[in-house]
Amino acid sequence: MVMALYATGAAIARDEDFKARAIMAAAQIGVSYPESWVGTNLYQLALDKPIGEAYEYSLGALPYHSRRCYDPSIITDQMILAVVTALWEAEQQALTGESPAAGV
């Protein structure tokens, strides 16, 4: 996983809108107890490079925007779903030795 800047990742991880959206993505892919899973993995999710780049770009383009992580025109649902899915699948593969997508 390629990482965003630590300061950017920390800002994203503290954002309640990002956390709520990540929980919804985790629930969508079938994570048991998505709130707990996101809480455990929040910092790894927040360090995703595409999400960090979008957040950083919005700092210059929209300096007075107060809810960057809520706005799907800045951080899209697809971006969040992609990082949640990648992390979940990597975790499951490490635990079981096989990809969850293989059974689909």
N, C-alpha and C. Protein backbone atom coordinates (compact mmCIF):
# COMPACT_ATOMS: atom_id res chain seq x y z
N MET A 1 0.85 -1.18 0.00
CA MET A 1 0.00 0.00 0.00
C MET A 1 0.90 1.24 0.00
N VAL A 2 0.67 2.12 -0.95
CA VAL A 2 1.42 3.38 -1.02
C VAL A 2 0.75 4.37 -0.09
N MET A 3 1.55 5.12 0.65
CA MET A 3 0.99 5.96 1.71
C MET A 3 0.98 7.44 1.37
N ALA A 4 0.02 8.14 1.93
CA ALA A 4 -0.05 9.59 1.90
C ALA A 4 0.88 10.13 2.98
N LEU A 5 1.03 11.43 3.01
CA LEU A 5 1.82 12.07 4.06
C LEU A 5 1.22 11.78 5.43
N TYR A 6 2.06 11.66 6.45
CA TYR A 6 1.57 11.37 7.80
C TYR A 6 0.61 12.44 8.30
N ALA A 7 0.93 13.71 8.07
CA ALA A 7 0.05 14.78 8.54
C ALA A 7 -1.32 14.69 7.88
N THR A 8 -1.33 14.37 6.60
CA THR A 8 -2.60 14.23 5.88
C THR A 8 -3.36 13.02 6.40
N GLY A 9 -2.66 11.91 6.56
CA GLY A 9 -3.30 10.70 7.09
C GLY A 9 -3.88 10.92 8.47
N ALA A 10 -3.15 11.66 9.30
CA ALA A 10 -3.64 11.94 10.66
C ALA A 10 -4.91 12.79 10.61
N ALA A 11 -4.93 13.78 9.73
CA ALA A 11 -6.13 14.63 9.61
C ALA A 11 -7.32 13.82 9.12
N ILE A 12 -7.09 12.94 8.16
CA ILE A 12 -8.18 12.11 7.64
C ILE A 12 -8.66 11.14 8.71
N ALA A 13 -7.74 10.52 9.44
CA ALA A 13 -8.12 9.56 10.48
C ALA A 13 -8.93 10.20 11.60
N ARG A 14 -8.72 11.48 11.86
CA ARG A 14 -9.48 12.18 12.91
C ARG A 14 -10.85 12.64 12.42
N ASP A 15 -11.11 12.52 11.15
CA ASP A 15 -12.35 13.04 10.56
C ASP A 15 -13.49 12.03 10.73
N GLU A 16 -14.53 12.44 11.42
CA GLU A 16 -15.67 11.55 11.67
C GLU A 16 -16.42 11.18 10.39
N ASP A 17 -16.45 12.08 9.40
CA ASP A 17 -17.12 11.77 8.14
C ASP A 17 -16.39 10.65 7.41
N PHE A 18 -15.06 10.69 7.40
CA PHE A 18 -14.30 9.62 6.76
C PHE A 18 -14.56 8.29 7.46
N LYS A 19 -14.54 8.32 8.77
CA LYS A 19 -14.77 7.09 9.54
C LYS A 19 -16.15 6.51 9.24
N ALA A 20 -17.17 7.35 9.21
CA ALA A 20 -18.53 6.89 8.93
C ALA A 20 -18.64 6.29 7.53
N ARG A 21 -18.01 6.93 6.57
CA ARG A 21 -18.06 6.42 5.20
C ARG A 21 -17.29 5.11 5.07
N ALA A 22 -16.18 4.98 5.77
CA ALA A 22 -15.41 3.73 5.75
C ALA A 22 -16.22 2.60 6.39
N ILE A 23 -16.94 2.90 7.45
CA ILE A 23 -17.80 1.89 8.09
C ILE A 23 -18.86 1.41 7.11
N MET A 24 -19.45 2.32 6.37
CA MET A 24 -20.47 1.94 5.39
C MET A 24 -19.86 1.06 4.29
N ALA A 25 -18.66 1.38 3.84
CA ALA A 25 -18.00 0.57 2.82
C ALA A 25 -17.70 -0.83 3.36
N ALA A 26 -17.22 -0.90 4.61
CA ALA A 26 -16.94 -2.20 5.22
C ALA A 26 -18.22 -3.02 5.35
N ALA A 27 -19.30 -2.39 5.74
CA ALA A 27 -20.58 -3.10 5.84
C ALA A 27 -21.02 -3.60 4.47
N GLN A 28 -20.79 -2.80 3.44
CA GLN A 28 -21.20 -3.18 2.09
C GLN A 28 -20.50 -4.46 1.62
N ILE A 29 -19.23 -4.61 1.97
CA ILE A 29 -18.50 -5.81 1.50
C ILE A 29 -18.63 -6.99 2.46
N GLY A 30 -19.39 -6.83 3.52
CA GLY A 30 -19.69 -7.95 4.40
C GLY A 30 -18.77 -8.13 5.59
N VAL A 31 -18.05 -7.09 5.98
CA VAL A 31 -17.21 -7.18 7.17
C VAL A 31 -18.10 -7.33 8.40
N SER A 32 -17.83 -8.35 9.20
CA SER A 32 -18.56 -8.50 10.47
C SER A 32 -18.10 -7.41 11.41
N TYR A 33 -19.02 -6.77 12.08
CA TYR A 33 -18.70 -5.69 13.02
C TYR A 33 -17.87 -4.59 12.35
N PRO A 34 -18.43 -3.95 11.32
CA PRO A 34 -17.66 -2.97 10.55
C PRO A 34 -17.14 -1.79 11.37
N GLU A 35 -17.88 -1.36 12.39
CA GLU A 35 -17.40 -0.24 13.22
C GLU A 35 -16.11 -0.61 13.95
N SER A 36 -16.07 -1.81 14.47
CA SER A 36 -14.88 -2.27 15.17
C SER A 36 -13.71 -2.45 14.20
N TRP A 37 -13.98 -3.05 13.05
CA TRP A 37 -12.93 -3.28 12.05
C TRP A 37 -12.34 -1.96 11.56
N VAL A 38 -13.19 -1.00 11.25
CA VAL A 38 -12.70 0.31 10.81
C VAL A 38 -11.90 0.98 11.93
N GLY A 39 -12.39 0.89 13.15
CA GLY A 39 -11.66 1.47 14.27
C GLY A 39 -10.26 0.90 14.39
N THR A 40 -10.14 -0.39 14.20
CA THR A 40 -8.84 -1.06 14.28
C THR A 40 -7.93 -0.66 13.12
N ASN A 41 -8.50 -0.46 11.94
CA ASN A 41 -7.72 -0.23 10.72
C ASN A 41 -7.76 1.21 10.21
N LEU A 42 -8.29 2.12 11.01
CA LEU A 42 -8.53 3.49 10.56
C LEU A 42 -7.27 4.17 10.03
N TYR A 43 -6.17 4.03 10.71
CA TYR A 43 -4.96 4.74 10.28
C TYR A 43 -4.41 4.17 8.98
N GLN A 44 -4.50 2.88 8.78
CA GLN A 44 -4.07 2.30 7.51
C GLN A 44 -4.98 2.78 6.37
N LEU A 45 -6.27 2.85 6.63
CA LEU A 45 -7.20 3.33 5.62
C LEU A 45 -6.92 4.79 5.28
N ALA A 46 -6.65 5.60 6.29
CA ALA A 46 -6.43 7.03 6.10
C ALA A 46 -5.12 7.34 5.38
N LEU A 47 -4.18 6.40 5.38
CA LEU A 47 -2.91 6.62 4.70
C LEU A 47 -2.92 6.22 3.23
N ASP A 48 -4.08 5.86 2.70
CA ASP A 48 -4.19 5.49 1.29
C ASP A 48 -3.79 6.68 0.41
N LYS A 49 -2.89 6.44 -0.53
CA LYS A 49 -2.34 7.53 -1.34
C LYS A 49 -3.41 8.27 -2.16
N PRO A 50 -4.29 7.60 -2.92
CA PRO A 50 -5.30 8.36 -3.67
C PRO A 50 -6.20 9.22 -2.78
N ILE A 51 -6.57 8.71 -1.63
CA ILE A 51 -7.40 9.49 -0.71
C ILE A 51 -6.61 10.68 -0.19
N GLY A 52 -5.37 10.46 0.20
CA GLY A 52 -4.51 11.55 0.68
C GLY A 52 -4.28 12.61 -0.37
N GLU A 53 -4.05 12.18 -1.61
CA GLU A 53 -3.84 13.15 -2.68
C GLU A 53 -5.08 13.99 -2.93
N ALA A 54 -6.24 13.36 -2.91
CA ALA A 54 -7.50 14.10 -3.10
C ALA A 54 -7.70 15.11 -1.98
N TYR A 55 -7.42 14.69 -0.77
CA TYR A 55 -7.56 15.58 0.39
C TYR A 55 -6.60 16.76 0.27
N GLU A 56 -5.34 16.47 -0.03
CA GLU A 56 -4.33 17.53 -0.16
C GLU A 56 -4.68 18.50 -1.29
N TYR A 57 -5.14 17.98 -2.42
CA TYR A 57 -5.54 18.85 -3.54
C TYR A 57 -6.65 19.79 -3.11
N SER A 58 -7.61 19.27 -2.34
CA SER A 58 -8.74 20.10 -1.93
C SER A 58 -8.32 21.22 -0.98
N LEU A 59 -7.21 21.05 -0.28
CA LEU A 59 -6.73 22.11 0.61
C LEU A 59 -6.42 23.38 -0.18
N GLY A 60 -5.84 23.22 -1.35
CA GLY A 60 -5.53 24.38 -2.19
C GLY A 60 -6.71 24.83 -3.03
N ALA A 61 -7.44 23.85 -3.58
CA ALA A 61 -8.54 24.19 -4.48
C ALA A 61 -9.77 24.72 -3.75
N LEU A 62 -10.00 24.24 -2.55
CA LEU A 62 -11.19 24.61 -1.77
C LEU A 62 -10.76 24.93 -0.34
N PRO A 63 -10.02 26.00 -0.14
CA PRO A 63 -9.42 26.24 1.19
C PRO A 63 -10.43 26.43 2.33
N TYR A 64 -11.65 26.82 2.02
CA TYR A 64 -12.63 27.08 3.09
C TYR A 64 -13.64 25.94 3.25
N HIS A 65 -13.40 24.83 2.58
CA HIS A 65 -14.31 23.69 2.68
C HIS A 65 -14.16 23.08 4.07
N SER A 66 -15.27 22.89 4.77
CA SER A 66 -15.19 22.42 6.15
C SER A 66 -15.40 20.92 6.31
N ARG A 67 -15.88 20.24 5.26
CA ARG A 67 -16.16 18.79 5.38
C ARG A 67 -15.60 18.03 4.19
N ARG A 68 -14.29 18.07 4.06
CA ARG A 68 -13.61 17.44 2.93
C ARG A 68 -13.88 15.95 2.83
N CYS A 69 -13.91 15.27 3.95
CA CYS A 69 -14.08 13.81 3.94
C CYS A 69 -15.54 13.39 3.79
N TYR A 70 -16.46 14.34 3.87
CA TYR A 70 -17.87 14.06 3.65
C TYR A 70 -18.23 14.22 2.17
N ASP A 71 -17.55 15.13 1.50
CA ASP A 71 -17.87 15.52 0.13
C ASP A 71 -17.40 14.46 -0.87
N PRO A 72 -18.33 13.74 -1.52
CA PRO A 72 -17.93 12.70 -2.47
C PRO A 72 -17.31 13.24 -3.76
N SER A 73 -17.32 14.55 -3.94
CA SER A 73 -16.62 15.10 -5.10
C SER A 73 -15.13 15.29 -4.79
N ILE A 74 -14.75 15.17 -3.52
CA ILE A 74 -13.34 15.24 -3.12
C ILE A 74 -12.80 13.82 -2.92
N ILE A 75 -13.37 13.10 -1.99
CA ILE A 75 -13.02 11.70 -1.74
C ILE A 75 -14.25 10.89 -2.13
N THR A 76 -14.12 10.12 -3.20
CA THR A 76 -15.28 9.40 -3.73
C THR A 76 -15.56 8.13 -2.93
N ASP A 77 -16.79 7.67 -3.04
CA ASP A 77 -17.16 6.40 -2.42
C ASP A 77 -16.30 5.27 -2.99
N GLN A 78 -16.00 5.34 -4.28
CA GLN A 78 -15.19 4.31 -4.93
C GLN A 78 -13.77 4.27 -4.34
N MET A 79 -13.22 5.44 -4.01
CA MET A 79 -11.88 5.48 -3.40
C MET A 79 -11.89 4.79 -2.05
N ILE A 80 -12.90 5.09 -1.26
CA ILE A 80 -13.00 4.49 0.07
C ILE A 80 -13.26 2.99 -0.05
N LEU A 81 -14.17 2.60 -0.92
CA LEU A 81 -14.47 1.19 -1.11
C LEU A 81 -13.23 0.43 -1.58
N ALA A 82 -12.44 1.02 -2.44
CA ALA A 82 -11.24 0.35 -2.95
C ALA A 82 -10.24 0.06 -1.84
N VAL A 83 -9.98 1.04 -0.99
CA VAL A 83 -8.99 0.82 0.08
C VAL A 83 -9.55 -0.12 1.15
N VAL A 84 -10.82 -0.01 1.47
CA VAL A 84 -11.43 -0.91 2.45
C VAL A 84 -11.38 -2.34 1.91
N THR A 85 -11.75 -2.54 0.66
CA THR A 85 -11.75 -3.87 0.06
C THR A 85 -10.34 -4.45 0.01
N ALA A 86 -9.37 -3.64 -0.41
CA ALA A 86 -7.98 -4.12 -0.51
C ALA A 86 -7.45 -4.55 0.86
N LEU A 87 -7.70 -3.75 1.88
CA LEU A 87 -7.21 -4.07 3.21
C LEU A 87 -7.92 -5.30 3.78
N TRP A 88 -9.23 -5.37 3.59
CA TRP A 88 -10.01 -6.51 4.08
C TRP A 88 -9.55 -7.80 3.40
N GLU A 89 -9.39 -7.76 2.08
CA GLU A 89 -8.97 -8.96 1.35
C GLU A 89 -7.56 -9.39 1.76
N ALA A 90 -6.66 -8.43 1.94
CA ALA A 90 -5.30 -8.76 2.38
C ALA A 90 -5.33 -9.40 3.77
N GLU A 91 -6.15 -8.86 4.63
CA GLU A 91 -6.29 -9.40 5.99
C GLU A 91 -6.84 -10.81 5.96
N GLN A 92 -7.87 -11.02 5.15
CA GLN A 92 -8.47 -12.35 5.06
C GLN A 92 -7.52 -13.36 4.44
N GLN A 93 -6.77 -12.93 3.44
CA GLN A 93 -5.81 -13.82 2.81
C GLN A 93 -4.71 -14.21 3.79
N ALA A 94 -4.27 -13.27 4.60
CA ALA A 94 -3.26 -13.56 5.61
C ALA A 94 -3.78 -14.56 6.65
N LEU A 95 -5.06 -14.47 6.96
CA LEU A 95 -5.65 -15.35 7.97
C LEU A 95 -5.95 -16.75 7.42
N THR A 96 -6.43 -16.81 6.18
CA THR A 96 -6.91 -18.08 5.64
C THR A 96 -6.02 -18.68 4.56
N GLY A 97 -5.18 -17.85 3.96
CA GLY A 97 -4.35 -18.33 2.87
C GLY A 97 -5.03 -18.29 1.52
N GLU A 98 -6.28 -17.82 1.47
CA GLU A 98 -6.95 -17.69 0.17
C GLU A 98 -7.71 -16.38 0.11
N SER A 99 -7.88 -15.89 -1.10
CA SER A 99 -8.55 -14.62 -1.32
C SER A 99 -10.05 -14.78 -1.16
N PRO A 100 -10.73 -13.84 -0.46
CA PRO A 100 -12.19 -13.92 -0.34
C PRO A 100 -12.89 -13.83 -1.69
N ALA A 101 -12.26 -13.14 -2.65
CA ALA A 101 -12.85 -13.00 -3.97
C ALA A 101 -12.85 -14.32 -4.73
N ALA A 102 -12.00 -15.27 -4.36
CA ALA A 102 -11.93 -16.55 -5.05
C ALA A 102 -13.22 -17.35 -4.93
N GLY A 103 -13.96 -17.15 -3.85
CA GLY A 103 -15.20 -17.87 -3.63
C GLY A 103 -16.40 -17.25 -4.30
N VAL A 104 -16.22 -16.09 -4.95
CA VAL A 104 -17.34 -15.38 -5.56
C VAL A 104 -17.63 -15.93 -6.92
